[in-house]
Amino acid sequence: GCNMKQCLIWRGLVVNGYGRIHAHGRARLAHHIAYERLHGPIPFGLTIDHLCSNKLCQNANHLEAVTLSVNSKRMWVIRSYINEQLRNHKQTIKKYGLLTDLGRKTYKIEHWLNN
């Protein structure tokens, strides 16, 4: 598994949730550069998946070259889990009238999912 405490968060330019960097005369995704430094060139036809699900993570040990299909399926599983957690948390708030730190995080996750 992936330890999210070991994520290396990109602090530079962010476009569509991903770190961007100019390298070799063109704009590139920062996590692609991080992957290539440790693992070598990205194999043809593959994309880079964040095993930690943090799009700003640059830890090359958290990155894996996979097909677009695998990447999409993994994201679907993660979103399904998050949606289930959101539903459960909303029911708790409704029942007990609670607003916790999780409630504020829930809004951020919900906003990310819906945009």
C-alpha atoms as a PDB file:
ATOM      1  CA  GLY A   1       0.000   0.000   0.000  1.00  0.00           C
ATOM      2  CA  CYS A   2       0.777   3.649  -0.146  1.00  0.00           C
ATOM      3  CA  ASN A   3       1.498   5.799   2.921  1.00  0.00           C
ATOM      4  CA  MET A   4      -0.094   9.197   2.285  1.00  0.00           C
ATOM      5  CA  LYS A   5       2.175  10.719   4.958  1.00  0.00           C
ATOM      6  CA  GLN A   6       4.993  10.143   2.467  1.00  0.00           C
ATOM      7  CA  CYS A   7       3.357  12.194  -0.304  1.00  0.00           C
ATOM      8  CA  LEU A   8       5.637  14.874  -1.736  1.00  0.00           C
ATOM      9  CA  ILE A   9       3.251  17.709  -2.525  1.00  0.00           C
ATOM     10  CA  TRP A  10       3.880  19.872  -5.594  1.00  0.00           C
ATOM     11  CA  ARG A  11       4.122  23.547  -4.602  1.00  0.00           C
ATOM     12  CA  GLY A  12       4.445  25.093  -8.060  1.00  0.00           C
ATOM     13  CA  LEU A  13       1.975  25.853 -10.841  1.00  0.00           C
ATOM     14  CA  VAL A  14      -1.244  23.798 -10.718  1.00  0.00           C
ATOM     15  CA  VAL A  15      -3.524  23.338 -13.738  1.00  0.00           C
ATOM     16  CA  ASN A  16      -6.671  21.193 -13.504  1.00  0.00           C
ATOM     17  CA  GLY A  17      -5.482  19.816 -10.168  1.00  0.00           C
ATOM     18  CA  TYR A  18      -2.096  18.612 -11.468  1.00  0.00           C
ATOM     19  CA  GLY A  19       1.357  20.126 -11.024  1.00  0.00           C
ATOM     20  CA  ARG A  20       2.750  21.629 -14.236  1.00  0.00           C
ATOM     21  CA  ILE A  21       6.363  22.350 -15.107  1.00  0.00           C
ATOM     22  CA  HIS A  22       8.199  23.556 -18.200  1.00  0.00           C
ATOM     23  CA  ALA A  23      10.817  20.997 -19.172  1.00  0.00           C
ATOM     24  CA  HIS A  24      12.630  20.496 -22.470  1.00  0.00           C
ATOM     25  CA  GLY A  25      10.864  23.521 -23.969  1.00  0.00           C
ATOM     26  CA  ARG A  26       7.312  22.372 -23.270  1.00  0.00           C
ATOM     27  CA  ALA A  27       4.738  22.211 -20.471  1.00  0.00           C
ATOM     28  CA  ARG A  28       4.659  18.809 -18.761  1.00  0.00           C
ATOM     29  CA  LEU A  29       2.849  17.213 -15.873  1.00  0.00           C
ATOM     30  CA  ALA A  30       5.184  17.373 -12.883  1.00  0.00           C
ATOM     31  CA  HIS A  31       4.361  13.841 -11.733  1.00  0.00           C
ATOM     32  CA  HIS A  32       5.417  12.513 -15.150  1.00  0.00           C
ATOM     33  CA  ILE A  33       8.858  14.063 -14.627  1.00  0.00           C
ATOM     34  CA  ALA A  34       9.010  12.552 -11.112  1.00  0.00           C
ATOM     35  CA  TYR A  35       8.044   9.116 -12.479  1.00  0.00           C
ATOM     36  CA  GLU A  36      10.620   9.276 -15.279  1.00  0.00           C
ATOM     37  CA  ARG A  37      13.455  10.257 -12.918  1.00  0.00           C
ATOM     38  CA  LEU A  38      13.001   7.052 -10.914  1.00  0.00           C
ATOM     39  CA  HIS A  39      11.539   4.562 -13.389  1.00  0.00           C
ATOM     40  CA  GLY A  40      12.643   5.812 -16.813  1.00  0.00           C
ATOM     41  CA  PRO A  41      10.434   6.777 -19.774  1.00  0.00           C
ATOM     42  CA  ILE A  42       6.696   6.226 -19.523  1.00  0.00           C
ATOM     43  CA  PRO A  43       5.906   3.164 -21.644  1.00  0.00           C
ATOM     44  CA  PHE A  44       3.993   3.899 -24.852  1.00  0.00           C
ATOM     45  CA  GLY A  45       0.211   3.728 -24.390  1.00  0.00           C
ATOM     46  CA  LEU A  46       0.347   4.010 -20.592  1.00  0.00           C
ATOM     47  CA  THR A  47      -0.559   6.826 -18.245  1.00  0.00           C
ATOM     48  CA  ILE A  48       0.666   7.551 -14.723  1.00  0.00           C
ATOM     49  CA  ASP A  49      -1.633   6.703 -11.826  1.00  0.00           C
ATOM     50  CA  HIS A  50      -1.262   8.193  -8.344  1.00  0.00           C
ATOM     51  CA  LEU A  51      -1.535   5.180  -6.026  1.00  0.00           C
ATOM     52  CA  CYS A  52      -2.119   7.617  -3.143  1.00  0.00           C
ATOM     53  CA  SER A  53      -4.961   9.343  -5.086  1.00  0.00           C
ATOM     54  CA  ASN A  54      -3.293  12.722  -4.464  1.00  0.00           C
ATOM     55  CA  LYS A  55      -2.941  14.478  -7.835  1.00  0.00           C
ATOM     56  CA  LEU A  56      -0.285  16.819  -6.426  1.00  0.00           C
ATOM     57  CA  CYS A  57       1.938  14.040  -5.073  1.00  0.00           C
ATOM     58  CA  GLN A  58       5.386  13.822  -6.694  1.00  0.00           C
ATOM     59  CA  ASN A  59       6.670  10.806  -4.765  1.00  0.00           C
ATOM     60  CA  ALA A  60       7.757   8.505  -7.585  1.00  0.00           C
ATOM     61  CA  ASN A  61       7.084   5.492  -5.341  1.00  0.00           C
ATOM     62  CA  HIS A  62       3.408   6.539  -5.334  1.00  0.00           C
ATOM     63  CA  LEU A  63       3.253   6.573  -9.147  1.00  0.00           C
ATOM     64  CA  GLU A  64       2.550   3.648 -11.432  1.00  0.00           C
ATOM     65  CA  ALA A  65       2.355   3.353 -15.218  1.00  0.00           C
ATOM     66  CA  VAL A  66      -1.007   1.788 -16.120  1.00  0.00           C
ATOM     67  CA  THR A  67      -3.448   1.712 -19.010  1.00  0.00           C
ATOM     68  CA  LEU A  68      -6.062   4.462 -19.156  1.00  0.00           C
ATOM     69  CA  SER A  69      -8.679   1.760 -18.528  1.00  0.00           C
ATOM     70  CA  VAL A  70      -7.035   0.670 -15.268  1.00  0.00           C
ATOM     71  CA  ASN A  71      -6.607   4.293 -14.180  1.00  0.00           C
ATOM     72  CA  SER A  72     -10.299   5.017 -14.876  1.00  0.00           C
ATOM     73  CA  LYS A  73     -11.473   1.897 -13.018  1.00  0.00           C
ATOM     74  CA  ARG A  74      -9.368   2.794  -9.987  1.00  0.00           C
ATOM     75  CA  MET A  75     -10.809   6.316  -9.950  1.00  0.00           C
ATOM     76  CA  TRP A  76     -14.327   4.920 -10.185  1.00  0.00           C
ATOM     77  CA  VAL A  77     -13.690   2.703  -7.143  1.00  0.00           C
ATOM     78  CA  ILE A  78     -12.263   5.644  -5.178  1.00  0.00           C
ATOM     79  CA  ARG A  79     -15.169   7.934  -6.094  1.00  0.00           C
ATOM     80  CA  SER A  80     -17.676   5.218  -5.160  1.00  0.00           C
ATOM     81  CA  TYR A  81     -16.034   4.876  -1.751  1.00  0.00           C
ATOM     82  CA  ILE A  82     -15.969   8.651  -1.211  1.00  0.00           C
ATOM     83  CA  ASN A  83     -19.631   8.959  -2.225  1.00  0.00           C
ATOM     84  CA  GLU A  84     -20.557   6.212   0.258  1.00  0.00           C
ATOM     85  CA  GLN A  85     -18.645   8.023   3.009  1.00  0.00           C
ATOM     86  CA  LEU A  86     -20.356  11.310   2.092  1.00  0.00           C
ATOM     87  CA  ARG A  87     -23.801   9.687   2.280  1.00  0.00           C
ATOM     88  CA  ASN A  88     -23.007   8.169   5.672  1.00  0.00           C
ATOM     89  CA  HIS A  89     -21.647  11.450   7.010  1.00  0.00           C
ATOM     90  CA  LYS A  90     -24.628  13.464   5.740  1.00  0.00           C
ATOM     91  CA  GLN A  91     -26.955  11.056   7.549  1.00  0.00           C
ATOM     92  CA  THR A  92     -24.972  11.582  10.770  1.00  0.00           C
ATOM     93  CA  ILE A  93     -25.154  15.370  10.427  1.00  0.00           C
ATOM     94  CA  LYS A  94     -28.872  15.174   9.723  1.00  0.00           C
ATOM     95  CA  LYS A  95     -29.462  12.907  12.722  1.00  0.00           C
ATOM     96  CA  TYR A  96     -27.251  14.704  15.262  1.00  0.00           C
ATOM     97  CA  GLY A  97     -26.847  18.198  13.778  1.00  0.00           C
ATOM     98  CA  LEU A  98     -23.054  17.931  13.797  1.00  0.00           C
ATOM     99  CA  LEU A  99     -20.588  20.058  11.882  1.00  0.00           C
ATOM    100  CA  THR A 100     -17.094  18.685  12.315  1.00  0.00           C
ATOM    101  CA  ASP A 101     -13.781  18.995  10.533  1.00  0.00           C
ATOM    102  CA  LEU A 102     -14.945  16.038   8.453  1.00  0.00           C
ATOM    103  CA  GLY A 103     -17.994  18.092   7.499  1.00  0.00           C
ATOM    104  CA  ARG A 104     -15.798  20.829   6.064  1.00  0.00           C
ATOM    105  CA  LYS A 105     -13.609  18.257   4.286  1.00  0.00           C
ATOM    106  CA  THR A 106     -16.768  16.609   2.970  1.00  0.00           C
ATOM    107  CA  TYR A 107     -17.768  19.871   1.298  1.00  0.00           C
ATOM    108  CA  LYS A 108     -14.376  20.121  -0.375  1.00  0.00           C
ATOM    109  CA  ILE A 109     -14.527  16.490  -1.588  1.00  0.00           C
ATOM    110  CA  GLU A 110     -18.116  16.926  -2.752  1.00  0.00           C
ATOM    111  CA  HIS A 111     -17.165  20.125  -4.622  1.00  0.00           C
ATOM    112  CA  TRP A 112     -14.242  18.265  -6.276  1.00  0.00           C
ATOM    113  CA  LEU A 113     -16.491  15.371  -7.297  1.00  0.00           C
ATOM    114  CA  ASN A 114     -19.178  17.626  -8.750  1.00  0.00           C
ATOM    115  CA  ASN A 115     -16.874  19.915 -10.717  1.00  0.00           C
END
